[in-house]
Amino acid sequence: MDKTVVLESTLTCPNCGHSETEEMPTDACQWFYECKSCNAVLKPLEGDCCVYCSYATVPCPPIQLGDSCCG
């Protein structure tokens, strides 16, 4: 049975609280994300593989599939 991967995730900036829905890449991890409101550059929290796993509503596609991110 194939798992359905959600490609849209809403990132929330921890600095200003701005939320933005983005489409996640399926072929690479995203280690940096610039907030469109305050221009803060977000980086993954310790133990997370990408900004989506740290700040978004849905984790990145490899994590959704049960893989290690970009592994």
PDB file of N, CA and C in Angstrom:
ATOM      1  N   MET A   1       0.837  -1.182   0.000  1.00  0.00           N
ATOM      2  CA  MET A   1       0.000   0.000   0.000  1.00  0.00           C
ATOM      3  C   MET A   1       0.882   1.245   0.000  1.00  0.00           C
ATOM      4  N   ASP A   2       0.676   2.118  -0.971  1.00  0.00           N
ATOM      5  CA  ASP A   2       1.460   3.343  -1.048  1.00  0.00           C
ATOM      6  C   ASP A   2       0.929   4.369  -0.060  1.00  0.00           C
ATOM      7  N   LYS A   3       1.860   5.074   0.551  1.00  0.00           N
ATOM      8  CA  LYS A   3       1.475   6.157   1.438  1.00  0.00           C
ATOM      9  C   LYS A   3       1.287   7.414   0.602  1.00  0.00           C
ATOM     10  N   THR A   4       0.309   8.216   0.966  1.00  0.00           N
ATOM     11  CA  THR A   4       0.112   9.484   0.298  1.00  0.00           C
ATOM     12  C   THR A   4       0.965  10.527   0.994  1.00  0.00           C
ATOM     13  N   VAL A   5       1.786  11.209   0.213  1.00  0.00           N
ATOM     14  CA  VAL A   5       2.665  12.230   0.764  1.00  0.00           C
ATOM     15  C   VAL A   5       2.023  13.593   0.561  1.00  0.00           C
ATOM     16  N   VAL A   6       1.946  14.358   1.639  1.00  0.00           N
ATOM     17  CA  VAL A   6       1.432  15.721   1.583  1.00  0.00           C
ATOM     18  C   VAL A   6       2.597  16.629   1.211  1.00  0.00           C
ATOM     19  N   LEU A   7       2.435  17.422   0.154  1.00  0.00           N
ATOM     20  CA  LEU A   7       3.523  18.283  -0.298  1.00  0.00           C
ATOM     21  C   LEU A   7       3.395  19.722   0.179  1.00  0.00           C
ATOM     22  N   GLU A   8       2.212  20.120   0.627  1.00  0.00           N
ATOM     23  CA  GLU A   8       2.051  21.476   1.135  1.00  0.00           C
ATOM     24  C   GLU A   8       2.126  21.472   2.651  1.00  0.00           C
ATOM     25  N   SER A   9       2.844  22.443   3.180  1.00  0.00           N
ATOM     26  CA  SER A   9       2.993  22.562   4.617  1.00  0.00           C
ATOM     27  C   SER A   9       3.040  24.041   4.966  1.00  0.00           C
ATOM     28  N   THR A  10       2.497  24.395   6.126  1.00  0.00           N
ATOM     29  CA  THR A  10       2.477  25.793   6.536  1.00  0.00           C
ATOM     30  C   THR A  10       3.579  26.037   7.547  1.00  0.00           C
ATOM     31  N   LEU A  11       4.552  26.841   7.151  1.00  0.00           N
ATOM     32  CA  LEU A  11       5.659  27.224   8.023  1.00  0.00           C
ATOM     33  C   LEU A  11       5.234  28.413   8.868  1.00  0.00           C
ATOM     34  N   THR A  12       5.576  28.396  10.142  1.00  0.00           N
ATOM     35  CA  THR A  12       5.304  29.527  11.026  1.00  0.00           C
ATOM     36  C   THR A  12       6.618  30.030  11.594  1.00  0.00           C
ATOM     37  N   CYS A  13       6.898  31.302  11.383  1.00  0.00           N
ATOM     38  CA  CYS A  13       8.143  31.904  11.855  1.00  0.00           C
ATOM     39  C   CYS A  13       8.104  32.037  13.381  1.00  0.00           C
ATOM     40  N   PRO A  14       9.128  31.514  14.069  1.00  0.00           N
ATOM     41  CA  PRO A  14       9.145  31.623  15.530  1.00  0.00           C
ATOM     42  C   PRO A  14       9.463  33.044  16.003  1.00  0.00           C
ATOM     43  N   ASN A  15       9.982  33.879  15.107  1.00  0.00           N
ATOM     44  CA  ASN A  15      10.342  35.244  15.483  1.00  0.00           C
ATOM     45  C   ASN A  15       9.151  36.193  15.457  1.00  0.00           C
ATOM     46  N   CYS A  16       8.365  36.143  14.369  1.00  0.00           N
ATOM     47  CA  CYS A  16       7.265  37.106  14.235  1.00  0.00           C
ATOM     48  C   CYS A  16       5.887  36.465  14.182  1.00  0.00           C
ATOM     49  N   GLY A  17       5.827  35.120  14.050  1.00  0.00           N
ATOM     50  CA  GLY A  17       4.540  34.434  14.019  1.00  0.00           C
ATOM     51  C   GLY A  17       3.885  34.377  12.650  1.00  0.00           C
ATOM     52  N   HIS A  18       4.538  34.923  11.629  1.00  0.00           N
ATOM     53  CA  HIS A  18       3.977  34.894  10.272  1.00  0.00           C
ATOM     54  C   HIS A  18       3.913  33.453   9.770  1.00  0.00           C
ATOM     55  N   SER A  19       2.795  33.113   9.122  1.00  0.00           N
ATOM     56  CA  SER A  19       2.631  31.777   8.546  1.00  0.00           C
ATOM     57  C   SER A  19       2.549  31.879   7.036  1.00  0.00           C
ATOM     58  N   GLU A  20       3.167  30.923   6.370  1.00  0.00           N
ATOM     59  CA  GLU A  20       3.170  30.884   4.906  1.00  0.00           C
ATOM     60  C   GLU A  20       3.084  29.427   4.467  1.00  0.00           C
ATOM     61  N   THR A  21       2.138  29.121   3.575  1.00  0.00           N
ATOM     62  CA  THR A  21       2.018  27.761   3.055  1.00  0.00           C
ATOM     63  C   THR A  21       2.933  27.622   1.842  1.00  0.00           C
ATOM     64  N   GLU A  22       3.773  26.611   1.879  1.00  0.00           N
ATOM     65  CA  GLU A  22       4.753  26.384   0.821  1.00  0.00           C
ATOM     66  C   GLU A  22       4.657  24.943   0.333  1.00  0.00           C
ATOM     67  N   GLU A  23       5.127  24.708  -0.882  1.00  0.00           N
ATOM     68  CA  GLU A  23       5.219  23.343  -1.390  1.00  0.00           C
ATOM     69  C   GLU A  23       6.618  22.831  -1.076  1.00  0.00           C
ATOM     70  N   MET A  24       6.678  21.674  -0.441  1.00  0.00           N
ATOM     71  CA  MET A  24       7.956  21.105  -0.034  1.00  0.00           C
ATOM     72  C   MET A  24       8.635  20.418  -1.201  1.00  0.00           C
ATOM     73  N   PRO A  25       9.970  20.534  -1.285  1.00  0.00           N
ATOM     74  CA  PRO A  25      10.689  19.788  -2.317  1.00  0.00           C
ATOM     75  C   PRO A  25      10.663  18.293  -1.993  1.00  0.00           C
ATOM     76  N   THR A  26      10.594  17.466  -3.022  1.00  0.00           N
ATOM     77  CA  THR A  26      10.597  16.020  -2.801  1.00  0.00           C
ATOM     78  C   THR A  26      11.965  15.418  -3.040  1.00  0.00           C
ATOM     79  N   ASP A  27      12.887  16.198  -3.610  1.00  0.00           N
ATOM     80  CA  ASP A  27      14.191  15.662  -3.984  1.00  0.00           C
ATOM     81  C   ASP A  27      15.334  16.219  -3.146  1.00  0.00           C
ATOM     82  N   ALA A  28      15.022  17.053  -2.154  1.00  0.00           N
ATOM     83  CA  ALA A  28      16.078  17.646  -1.326  1.00  0.00           C
ATOM     84  C   ALA A  28      15.480  18.144  -0.025  1.00  0.00           C
ATOM     85  N   CYS A  29      16.314  18.257   0.981  1.00  0.00           N
ATOM     86  CA  CYS A  29      15.881  18.853   2.235  1.00  0.00           C
ATOM     87  C   CYS A  29      16.061  20.363   2.152  1.00  0.00           C
ATOM     88  N   GLN A  30      15.232  21.065   2.865  1.00  0.00           N
ATOM     89  CA  GLN A  30      15.374  22.514   2.905  1.00  0.00           C
ATOM     90  C   GLN A  30      15.914  22.893   4.277  1.00  0.00           C
ATOM     91  N   TRP A  31      17.182  23.291   4.309  1.00  0.00           N
ATOM     92  CA  TRP A  31      17.837  23.616   5.574  1.00  0.00           C
ATOM     93  C   TRP A  31      17.645  25.060   5.989  1.00  0.00           C
ATOM     94  N   PHE A  32      17.278  25.926   5.033  1.00  0.00           N
ATOM     95  CA  PHE A  32      17.079  27.332   5.344  1.00  0.00           C
ATOM     96  C   PHE A  32      15.763  27.798   4.751  1.00  0.00           C
ATOM     97  N   TYR A  33      15.128  28.741   5.432  1.00  0.00           N
ATOM     98  CA  TYR A  33      13.907  29.347   4.913  1.00  0.00           C
ATOM     99  C   TYR A  33      13.877  30.786   5.392  1.00  0.00           C
ATOM    100  N   GLU A  34      13.677  31.710   4.471  1.00  0.00           N
ATOM    101  CA  GLU A  34      13.611  33.118   4.847  1.00  0.00           C
ATOM    102  C   GLU A  34      12.159  33.526   5.014  1.00  0.00           C
ATOM    103  N   CYS A  35      11.840  34.028   6.204  1.00  0.00           N
ATOM    104  CA  CYS A  35      10.476  34.486   6.497  1.00  0.00           C
ATOM    105  C   CYS A  35      10.127  35.637   5.566  1.00  0.00           C
ATOM    106  N   LYS A  36       8.948  35.563   4.961  1.00  0.00           N
ATOM    107  CA  LYS A  36       8.535  36.602   4.025  1.00  0.00           C
ATOM    108  C   LYS A  36       8.055  37.859   4.738  1.00  0.00           C
ATOM    109  N   SER A  37       7.908  37.794   6.057  1.00  0.00           N
ATOM    110  CA  SER A  37       7.461  38.961   6.815  1.00  0.00           C
ATOM    111  C   SER A  37       8.637  39.709   7.462  1.00  0.00           C
ATOM    112  N   CYS A  38       9.437  39.000   8.280  1.00  0.00           N
ATOM    113  CA  CYS A  38      10.513  39.678   9.024  1.00  0.00           C
ATOM    114  C   CYS A  38      11.898  39.393   8.453  1.00  0.00           C
ATOM    115  N   ASN A  39      11.973  38.552   7.411  1.00  0.00           N
ATOM    116  CA  ASN A  39      13.234  38.196   6.739  1.00  0.00           C
ATOM    117  C   ASN A  39      14.213  37.415   7.610  1.00  0.00           C
ATOM    118  N   ALA A  40      13.746  36.863   8.726  1.00  0.00           N
ATOM    119  CA  ALA A  40      14.603  36.004   9.544  1.00  0.00           C
ATOM    120  C   ALA A  40      14.886  34.731   8.757  1.00  0.00           C
ATOM    121  N   VAL A  41      16.111  34.238   8.850  1.00  0.00           N
ATOM    122  CA  VAL A  41      16.467  32.987   8.184  1.00  0.00           C
ATOM    123  C   VAL A  41      16.312  31.856   9.193  1.00  0.00           C
ATOM    124  N   LEU A  42      15.361  30.969   8.925  1.00  0.00           N
ATOM    125  CA  LEU A  42      15.092  29.844   9.826  1.00  0.00           C
ATOM    126  C   LEU A  42      16.003  28.684   9.465  1.00  0.00           C
ATOM    127  N   LYS A  43      16.496  28.017  10.490  1.00  0.00           N
ATOM    128  CA  LYS A  43      17.312  26.809  10.325  1.00  0.00           C
ATOM    129  C   LYS A  43      16.666  25.716  11.163  1.00  0.00           C
ATOM    130  N   PRO A  44      16.888  24.443  10.833  1.00  0.00           N
ATOM    131  CA  PRO A  44      16.263  23.361  11.617  1.00  0.00           C
ATOM    132  C   PRO A  44      16.711  23.395  13.075  1.00  0.00           C
ATOM    133  N   LEU A  45      15.795  23.030  13.952  1.00  0.00           N
ATOM    134  CA  LEU A  45      16.137  22.882  15.367  1.00  0.00           C
ATOM    135  C   LEU A  45      17.013  21.643  15.529  1.00  0.00           C
ATOM    136  N   GLU A  46      17.759  21.589  16.591  1.00  0.00           N
ATOM    137  CA  GLU A  46      18.638  20.436  16.837  1.00  0.00           C
ATOM    138  C   GLU A  46      17.812  19.153  16.857  1.00  0.00           C
ATOM    139  N   GLY A  47      18.249  18.166  16.099  1.00  0.00           N
ATOM    140  CA  GLY A  47      17.544  16.890  16.031  1.00  0.00           C
ATOM    141  C   GLY A  47      16.573  16.793  14.866  1.00  0.00           C
ATOM    142  N   ASP A  48      16.248  17.931  14.248  1.00  0.00           N
ATOM    143  CA  ASP A  48      15.365  17.914  13.079  1.00  0.00           C
ATOM    144  C   ASP A  48      16.206  17.984  11.816  1.00  0.00           C
ATOM    145  N   CYS A  49      15.664  17.439  10.728  1.00  0.00           N
ATOM    146  CA  CYS A  49      16.456  17.366   9.495  1.00  0.00           C
ATOM    147  C   CYS A  49      16.282  18.575   8.595  1.00  0.00           C
ATOM    148  N   CYS A  50      15.174  19.311   8.744  1.00  0.00           N
ATOM    149  CA  CYS A  50      14.938  20.441   7.841  1.00  0.00           C
ATOM    150  C   CYS A  50      13.979  21.434   8.487  1.00  0.00           C
ATOM    151  N   VAL A  51      13.791  22.577   7.860  1.00  0.00           N
ATOM    152  CA  VAL A  51      12.923  23.609   8.435  1.00  0.00           C
ATOM    153  C   VAL A  51      11.469  23.151   8.519  1.00  0.00           C
ATOM    154  N   TYR A  52      11.048  22.265   7.612  1.00  0.00           N
ATOM    155  CA  TYR A  52       9.664  21.782   7.673  1.00  0.00           C
ATOM    156  C   TYR A  52       9.423  20.923   8.904  1.00  0.00           C
ATOM    157  N   CYS A  53      10.405  20.133   9.287  1.00  0.00           N
ATOM    158  CA  CYS A  53      10.255  19.295  10.482  1.00  0.00           C
ATOM    159  C   CYS A  53      10.270  20.144  11.753  1.00  0.00           C
ATOM    160  N   SER A  54      10.895  21.319  11.702  1.00  0.00           N
ATOM    161  CA  SER A  54      10.988  22.178  12.880  1.00  0.00           C
ATOM    162  C   SER A  54       9.835  23.169  13.010  1.00  0.00           C
ATOM    163  N   TYR A  55       9.388  23.747  11.909  1.00  0.00           N
ATOM    164  CA  TYR A  55       8.475  24.889  12.001  1.00  0.00           C
ATOM    165  C   TYR A  55       7.163  24.749  11.239  1.00  0.00           C
ATOM    166  N   ALA A  56       6.924  23.621  10.584  1.00  0.00           N
ATOM    167  CA  ALA A  56       5.753  23.519   9.722  1.00  0.00           C
ATOM    168  C   ALA A  56       4.710  22.547  10.260  1.00  0.00           C
ATOM    169  N   THR A  57       3.533  22.609   9.659  1.00  0.00           N
ATOM    170  CA  THR A  57       2.412  21.776  10.090  1.00  0.00           C
ATOM    171  C   THR A  57       2.558  20.333   9.640  1.00  0.00           C
ATOM    172  N   VAL A  58       3.314  20.095   8.558  1.00  0.00           N
ATOM    173  CA  VAL A  58       3.507  18.748   8.022  1.00  0.00           C
ATOM    174  C   VAL A  58       5.012  18.524   7.861  1.00  0.00           C
ATOM    175  N   PRO A  59       5.557  17.411   8.340  1.00  0.00           N
ATOM    176  CA  PRO A  59       6.989  17.150   8.153  1.00  0.00           C
ATOM    177  C   PRO A  59       7.320  16.875   6.685  1.00  0.00           C
ATOM    178  N   CYS A  60       8.601  16.905   6.360  1.00  0.00           N
ATOM    179  CA  CYS A  60       9.048  16.741   4.975  1.00  0.00           C
ATOM    180  C   CYS A  60       8.686  15.358   4.419  1.00  0.00           C
ATOM    181  N   PRO A  61       8.608  15.236   3.086  1.00  0.00           N
ATOM    182  CA  PRO A  61       8.204  13.960   2.464  1.00  0.00           C
ATOM    183  C   PRO A  61       8.977  12.721   2.927  1.00  0.00           C
ATOM    184  N   PRO A  62      10.320  12.752   3.039  1.00  0.00           N
ATOM    185  CA  PRO A  62      10.999  11.522   3.494  1.00  0.00           C
ATOM    186  C   PRO A  62      10.562  11.078   4.898  1.00  0.00           C
ATOM    187  N   ILE A  63      10.342  12.024   5.798  1.00  0.00           N
ATOM    188  CA  ILE A  63       9.887  11.687   7.149  1.00  0.00           C
ATOM    189  C   ILE A  63       8.469  11.116   7.092  1.00  0.00           C
ATOM    190  N   GLN A  64       7.612  11.690   6.246  1.00  0.00           N
ATOM    191  CA  GLN A  64       6.251  11.159   6.093  1.00  0.00           C
ATOM    192  C   GLN A  64       6.274   9.704   5.630  1.00  0.00           C
ATOM    193  N   LEU A  65       7.270   9.349   4.824  1.00  0.00           N
ATOM    194  CA  LEU A  65       7.367   7.984   4.295  1.00  0.00           C
ATOM    195  C   LEU A  65       8.082   7.033   5.260  1.00  0.00           C
ATOM    196  N   GLY A  66       8.556   7.576   6.390  1.00  0.00           N
ATOM    197  CA  GLY A  66       9.209   6.742   7.376  1.00  0.00           C
ATOM    198  C   GLY A  66      10.697   6.589   7.165  1.00  0.00           C
ATOM    199  N   ASP A  67      11.256   7.416   6.257  1.00  0.00           N
ATOM    200  CA  ASP A  67      12.693   7.397   6.013  1.00  0.00           C
ATOM    201  C   ASP A  67      13.365   8.459   6.868  1.00  0.00           C
ATOM    202  N   SER A  68      14.702   8.370   6.920  1.00  0.00           N
ATOM    203  CA  SER A  68      15.413   9.486   7.510  1.00  0.00           C
ATOM    204  C   SER A  68      15.523  10.533   6.417  1.00  0.00           C
ATOM    205  N   CYS A  69      15.433  11.765   6.796  1.00  0.00           N
ATOM    206  CA  CYS A  69      15.422  12.845   5.819  1.00  0.00           C
ATOM    207  C   CYS A  69      16.715  12.873   5.027  1.00  0.00           C
ATOM    208  N   CYS A  70      16.626  12.948   3.734  1.00  0.00           N
ATOM    209  CA  CYS A  70      17.768  13.073   2.820  1.00  0.00           C
ATOM    210  C   CYS A  70      18.799  11.979   3.032  1.00  0.00           C
ATOM    211  N   GLY A  71      18.413  10.903   3.693  1.00  0.00           N
ATOM    212  CA  GLY A  71      19.358   9.880   4.025  1.00  0.00           C
ATOM    213  C   GLY A  71      19.788   9.083   2.858  1.00  0.00           C
TER     214      GLY A  71
END
